[in-house]
Amino acid sequence: MARKQARAAGGRWLPWLGLALLPLAVPPAAAPGGCPSPCYCVATPELVLRRLELAGNRLQELPFALLPSGLEELDLRNNSLQQLAAAELRSLEAPGLRGLRVSLGANPLRCDCALRPLLVWLRSSATRVLDARSLRCSGPPPLRGTALLRLRPEGLGCGTSEGGEAGRLETASYVFFGIVLALIGIVFLMVLYLNRRGIKRWLHNLREACRDQMEGYHYRYEQDADPRCASTAGTPGL
């Protein structure tokens, strides 16, 4: 039987997807010694691959764009997948793969910013992942063993040493923002120091104004509370 092969990620040789070969047995013909004629194979495009098992192949990535149209179930358990890229997930929305169901258990999924596309897709298409509830993080250590469905995409951060370019840019932006805030604080303190006399004089004037206002209120209160003033105001002709 003839078979074409293509190399997939992880170092294994996998059958070329989309090629189905059907052996057709030739009726026993007259041959020397009474043996039937050998079988031969022909391509049958009308056959459609429904289930593809790739479990235990140490795959680190999978070219979903090469998956045959009409595939209904894909077993990717027990591989070396740490995340699925956004481009790979978009290929699963192709018209011929919208009914595809995937199994991802026993993969070392790393819950950092690189996993955000998979987590967003998983939260919106959980029914397409047969073992979605059993998926767990293999790292980093603070999230090890955490269920993926309990995580939020915006909560997945990237470390400077292991988060890639996005993590380094995010850290640099926070550092720059902190430096800007520190400079603004220093300038504000310098302005206060240089204008300390004017600020002291302004505070003194404000205190005197408040004191005069309170003395006016106190005087009015004493006038209203004095019984002599009250009796004089109540006697007509005085």
Foldseek 3Di string as FASTA:
>chain_A
DDFDWDDAALGDIDTQAQWDKDKDADPADDDPPSDRDDIDIDTDNVDDAAEEEPAPRQHQAGQQLRHDFQHQEYEHEHHAHQAYALVNVVSCPPPRNVNHAYEYYNYQHAQALRRLSVLVCCLVPVVSYPPQQVDAHCDDPVRGGPRSPVDDNVPHHADPVGRPPVNVVVVVVVVVVVVVVVVVVVVVVVVCVVCVVVVVVVVVVVVVVVVVVVVVVVVVVVCVPDVVNVVVVVDPPD
